[in-house]
């Protein structure tokens, strides 16, 4: 079914993502990183790149914005969908992510049932998508605010 790379520094959020996606997508392989450093180097070095990256924005060290820019700076990684999955509801933050090449910007709800629904909806959307949109943000996006 595929692989998702989750870049999330919060252990609690990482566990919630794992719990939600292993229930809804048991065949999906999940890889977790708690930092953004070396992500691009690792992606460039593997033959089996993930189809989707779930990216937290607010991380120590290399921020999610910097990770997004680094990923989109490598043409070889253009086929990977980057879904920003964050607690930030600031419109300027969302706009900046789309401008940097995010495929979706999804707000993390605090309620676990809603969290699971929003997350699985975003993953389902990108798993069904055959190709990246021609321009970042040009396709309908499973946004939740």
C-alpha atoms as a PDB file:
ATOM      1  CA  UNK A   1       0.000   0.000   0.000  1.00  0.00           C
ATOM      2  CA  UNK A   2       2.900   2.397   0.500  1.00  0.00           C
ATOM      3  CA  UNK A   3       4.959   4.222   3.037  1.00  0.00           C
ATOM      4  CA  UNK A   4       4.542   7.448   4.978  1.00  0.00           C
ATOM      5  CA  UNK A   5       7.360   9.352   6.628  1.00  0.00           C
ATOM      6  CA  UNK A   6       6.167  11.185   9.748  1.00  0.00           C
ATOM      7  CA  UNK A   7       8.394  14.035  10.931  1.00  0.00           C
ATOM      8  CA  UNK A   8       7.037  14.884  14.363  1.00  0.00           C
ATOM      9  CA  UNK A   9       8.930  15.883  17.512  1.00  0.00           C
ATOM     10  CA  UNK A  10       6.031  15.327  19.941  1.00  0.00           C
ATOM     11  CA  UNK A  11       6.024  11.741  21.180  1.00  0.00           C
ATOM     12  CA  UNK A  12       2.354  12.102  22.102  1.00  0.00           C
ATOM     13  CA  UNK A  13       1.387  13.282  18.603  1.00  0.00           C
ATOM     14  CA  UNK A  14       3.552  10.586  16.973  1.00  0.00           C
ATOM     15  CA  UNK A  15       1.773   7.920  19.045  1.00  0.00           C
ATOM     16  CA  UNK A  16      -1.627   9.372  18.110  1.00  0.00           C
ATOM     17  CA  UNK A  17      -0.678   9.353  14.417  1.00  0.00           C
ATOM     18  CA  UNK A  18       0.515   5.765  14.678  1.00  0.00           C
ATOM     19  CA  UNK A  19      -2.614   4.679  16.564  1.00  0.00           C
ATOM     20  CA  UNK A  20      -4.918   6.391  14.051  1.00  0.00           C
ATOM     21  CA  UNK A  21      -3.210   5.180  10.889  1.00  0.00           C
ATOM     22  CA  UNK A  22      -2.539   1.595  11.975  1.00  0.00           C
ATOM     23  CA  UNK A  23      -6.284   1.244  12.594  1.00  0.00           C
ATOM     24  CA  UNK A  24      -7.406   2.851   9.340  1.00  0.00           C
ATOM     25  CA  UNK A  25      -4.535   1.705   7.071  1.00  0.00           C
ATOM     26  CA  UNK A  26      -3.019  -1.470   8.536  1.00  0.00           C
ATOM     27  CA  UNK A  27      -0.935  -2.191   5.409  1.00  0.00           C
ATOM     28  CA  UNK A  28       0.664   1.256   5.369  1.00  0.00           C
ATOM     29  CA  UNK A  29       4.299   1.387   6.518  1.00  0.00           C
ATOM     30  CA  UNK A  30       4.992   4.277   8.890  1.00  0.00           C
ATOM     31  CA  UNK A  31       8.498   5.633   9.477  1.00  0.00           C
ATOM     32  CA  UNK A  32       9.004   8.210  12.216  1.00  0.00           C
ATOM     33  CA  UNK A  33      11.658  10.911  12.631  1.00  0.00           C
ATOM     34  CA  UNK A  34      11.605  13.357  15.518  1.00  0.00           C
ATOM     35  CA  UNK A  35      13.867  15.905  13.808  1.00  0.00           C
ATOM     36  CA  UNK A  36      14.146  17.427  10.352  1.00  0.00           C
ATOM     37  CA  UNK A  37      17.913  17.280  10.088  1.00  0.00           C
ATOM     38  CA  UNK A  38      19.222  14.795   7.488  1.00  0.00           C
ATOM     39  CA  UNK A  39      15.734  14.009   6.150  1.00  0.00           C
ATOM     40  CA  UNK A  40      16.550  15.181   2.630  1.00  0.00           C
ATOM     41  CA  UNK A  41      19.867  13.301   2.595  1.00  0.00           C
ATOM     42  CA  UNK A  42      18.083  10.120   3.708  1.00  0.00           C
ATOM     43  CA  UNK A  43      15.340  10.568   1.109  1.00  0.00           C
ATOM     44  CA  UNK A  44      17.904  11.079  -1.636  1.00  0.00           C
ATOM     45  CA  UNK A  45      19.819   7.949  -0.558  1.00  0.00           C
ATOM     46  CA  UNK A  46      16.918   5.464  -0.625  1.00  0.00           C
ATOM     47  CA  UNK A  47      15.279   3.744  -3.574  1.00  0.00           C
ATOM     48  CA  UNK A  48      11.971   3.354  -1.734  1.00  0.00           C
ATOM     49  CA  UNK A  49      10.963   6.941  -0.998  1.00  0.00           C
ATOM     50  CA  UNK A  50       7.695   7.476   0.884  1.00  0.00           C
ATOM     51  CA  UNK A  51       4.665   8.588  -1.091  1.00  0.00           C
ATOM     52  CA  UNK A  52       3.609  10.985   1.643  1.00  0.00           C
ATOM     53  CA  UNK A  53       5.414  12.980   4.310  1.00  0.00           C
ATOM     54  CA  UNK A  54       3.442  14.188   7.333  1.00  0.00           C
ATOM     55  CA  UNK A  55       5.377  17.213   8.510  1.00  0.00           C
ATOM     56  CA  UNK A  56       5.086  19.057  11.794  1.00  0.00           C
ATOM     57  CA  UNK A  57       6.114  22.718  11.585  1.00  0.00           C
ATOM     58  CA  UNK A  58       7.196  23.564  15.109  1.00  0.00           C
ATOM     59  CA  UNK A  59      10.222  21.419  15.872  1.00  0.00           C
ATOM     60  CA  UNK A  60      13.503  22.122  17.616  1.00  0.00           C
ATOM     61  CA  UNK A  61      16.512  22.403  15.358  1.00  0.00           C
ATOM     62  CA  UNK A  62      15.504  22.415  11.712  1.00  0.00           C
ATOM     63  CA  UNK A  63      11.945  23.748  11.514  1.00  0.00           C
ATOM     64  CA  UNK A  64       9.228  22.194   9.404  1.00  0.00           C
ATOM     65  CA  UNK A  65       9.403  25.215   7.090  1.00  0.00           C
ATOM     66  CA  UNK A  66      13.105  24.569   6.488  1.00  0.00           C
ATOM     67  CA  UNK A  67      12.450  20.854   5.901  1.00  0.00           C
ATOM     68  CA  UNK A  68       9.705  21.693   3.400  1.00  0.00           C
ATOM     69  CA  UNK A  69      11.955  24.117   1.511  1.00  0.00           C
ATOM     70  CA  UNK A  70      14.783  21.556   1.469  1.00  0.00           C
ATOM     71  CA  UNK A  71      12.505  18.813   0.125  1.00  0.00           C
ATOM     72  CA  UNK A  72      11.057  21.058  -2.564  1.00  0.00           C
ATOM     73  CA  UNK A  73      14.565  22.203  -3.455  1.00  0.00           C
ATOM     74  CA  UNK A  74      15.339  18.708  -4.766  1.00  0.00           C
ATOM     75  CA  UNK A  75      13.672  17.932  -8.110  1.00  0.00           C
ATOM     76  CA  UNK A  76      14.155  14.204  -7.465  1.00  0.00           C
ATOM     77  CA  UNK A  77      11.734  14.471  -4.513  1.00  0.00           C
ATOM     78  CA  UNK A  78       8.910  16.227  -6.387  1.00  0.00           C
ATOM     79  CA  UNK A  79       6.789  13.060  -6.454  1.00  0.00           C
ATOM     80  CA  UNK A  80       6.494  12.989  -2.666  1.00  0.00           C
ATOM     81  CA  UNK A  81       3.367  14.611  -1.260  1.00  0.00           C
ATOM     82  CA  UNK A  82       4.081  16.820   1.744  1.00  0.00           C
ATOM     83  CA  UNK A  83       1.179  17.227   4.138  1.00  0.00           C
ATOM     84  CA  UNK A  84       1.846  19.804   6.832  1.00  0.00           C
ATOM     85  CA  UNK A  85       0.103  18.467   9.945  1.00  0.00           C
ATOM     86  CA  UNK A  86       0.309  21.144  12.599  1.00  0.00           C
ATOM     87  CA  UNK A  87      -1.332  22.886  15.539  1.00  0.00           C
ATOM     88  CA  UNK A  88      -0.857  26.290  13.897  1.00  0.00           C
ATOM     89  CA  UNK A  89      -4.056  27.915  12.647  1.00  0.00           C
ATOM     90  CA  UNK A  90      -2.421  31.153  11.474  1.00  0.00           C
ATOM     91  CA  UNK A  91      -3.455  32.000   7.885  1.00  0.00           C
ATOM     92  CA  UNK A  92      -0.001  33.458   7.185  1.00  0.00           C
ATOM     93  CA  UNK A  93       1.556  30.138   8.255  1.00  0.00           C
ATOM     94  CA  UNK A  94      -0.707  28.218   5.891  1.00  0.00           C
ATOM     95  CA  UNK A  95       0.024  30.621   3.023  1.00  0.00           C
ATOM     96  CA  UNK A  96       3.770  30.310   3.616  1.00  0.00           C
ATOM     97  CA  UNK A  97       3.557  26.519   3.529  1.00  0.00           C
ATOM     98  CA  UNK A  98       1.653  26.479   0.244  1.00  0.00           C
ATOM     99  CA  UNK A  99       4.084  29.019  -1.222  1.00  0.00           C
ATOM    100  CA  UNK A 100       6.963  26.719  -0.219  1.00  0.00           C
ATOM    101  CA  UNK A 101       5.363  23.731  -1.949  1.00  0.00           C
ATOM    102  CA  UNK A 102       3.157  21.957   0.609  1.00  0.00           C
ATOM    103  CA  UNK A 103       0.479  19.791  -0.947  1.00  0.00           C
ATOM    104  CA  UNK A 104      -1.889  20.134   2.016  1.00  0.00           C
ATOM    105  CA  UNK A 105      -2.075  22.051   5.254  1.00  0.00           C
ATOM    106  CA  UNK A 106      -4.026  20.200   7.932  1.00  0.00           C
ATOM    107  CA  UNK A 107      -4.743  21.418  11.448  1.00  0.00           C
ATOM    108  CA  UNK A 108      -4.309  18.860  14.274  1.00  0.00           C
ATOM    109  CA  UNK A 109      -7.508  18.762  16.318  1.00  0.00           C
ATOM    110  CA  UNK A 110      -7.202  18.084  20.048  1.00  0.00           C
ATOM    111  CA  UNK A 111     -10.057  15.565  20.126  1.00  0.00           C
ATOM    112  CA  UNK A 112      -8.677  12.130  19.112  1.00  0.00           C
ATOM    113  CA  UNK A 113     -11.743  11.063  17.115  1.00  0.00           C
ATOM    114  CA  UNK A 114     -11.598  14.246  15.048  1.00  0.00           C
ATOM    115  CA  UNK A 115      -7.774  13.941  14.861  1.00  0.00           C
ATOM    116  CA  UNK A 116      -8.158  10.430  13.402  1.00  0.00           C
ATOM    117  CA  UNK A 117     -10.875  11.527  10.968  1.00  0.00           C
ATOM    118  CA  UNK A 118      -8.886  14.502   9.681  1.00  0.00           C
ATOM    119  CA  UNK A 119      -5.653  12.533   9.406  1.00  0.00           C
ATOM    120  CA  UNK A 120      -7.156   9.533   7.631  1.00  0.00           C
ATOM    121  CA  UNK A 121      -9.034  11.855   5.271  1.00  0.00           C
ATOM    122  CA  UNK A 122      -5.810  13.587   4.261  1.00  0.00           C
ATOM    123  CA  UNK A 123      -3.951  10.291   3.844  1.00  0.00           C
ATOM    124  CA  UNK A 124      -6.813   8.760   1.843  1.00  0.00           C
ATOM    125  CA  UNK A 125      -6.914  11.800  -0.432  1.00  0.00           C
ATOM    126  CA  UNK A 126      -3.213  11.591  -1.287  1.00  0.00           C
ATOM    127  CA  UNK A 127      -3.149   7.794  -1.560  1.00  0.00           C
ATOM    128  CA  UNK A 128      -5.913   8.022  -4.188  1.00  0.00           C
ATOM    129  CA  UNK A 129      -4.170  10.812  -6.075  1.00  0.00           C
ATOM    130  CA  UNK A 130      -2.276   9.537  -9.118  1.00  0.00           C
ATOM    131  CA  UNK A 131       0.023  12.519  -9.486  1.00  0.00           C
ATOM    132  CA  UNK A 132       1.020  15.784  -7.827  1.00  0.00           C
ATOM    133  CA  UNK A 133      -0.949  18.863  -8.784  1.00  0.00           C
ATOM    134  CA  UNK A 134       0.693  21.016 -11.416  1.00  0.00           C
ATOM    135  CA  UNK A 135       1.171  23.834  -8.924  1.00  0.00           C
ATOM    136  CA  UNK A 136       1.346  23.598  -5.142  1.00  0.00           C
ATOM    137  CA  UNK A 137      -2.061  24.188  -3.632  1.00  0.00           C
ATOM    138  CA  UNK A 138      -3.836  23.935  -7.000  1.00  0.00           C
ATOM    139  CA  UNK A 139      -5.745  20.746  -6.189  1.00  0.00           C
ATOM    140  CA  UNK A 140      -8.518  20.537  -3.637  1.00  0.00           C
ATOM    141  CA  UNK A 141      -6.951  20.091  -0.259  1.00  0.00           C
ATOM    142  CA  UNK A 142      -8.333  18.353   2.802  1.00  0.00           C
ATOM    143  CA  UNK A 143      -7.891  21.434   5.013  1.00  0.00           C
ATOM    144  CA  UNK A 144      -9.351  21.634   8.471  1.00  0.00           C
ATOM    145  CA  UNK A 145      -9.174  24.804  10.489  1.00  0.00           C
END
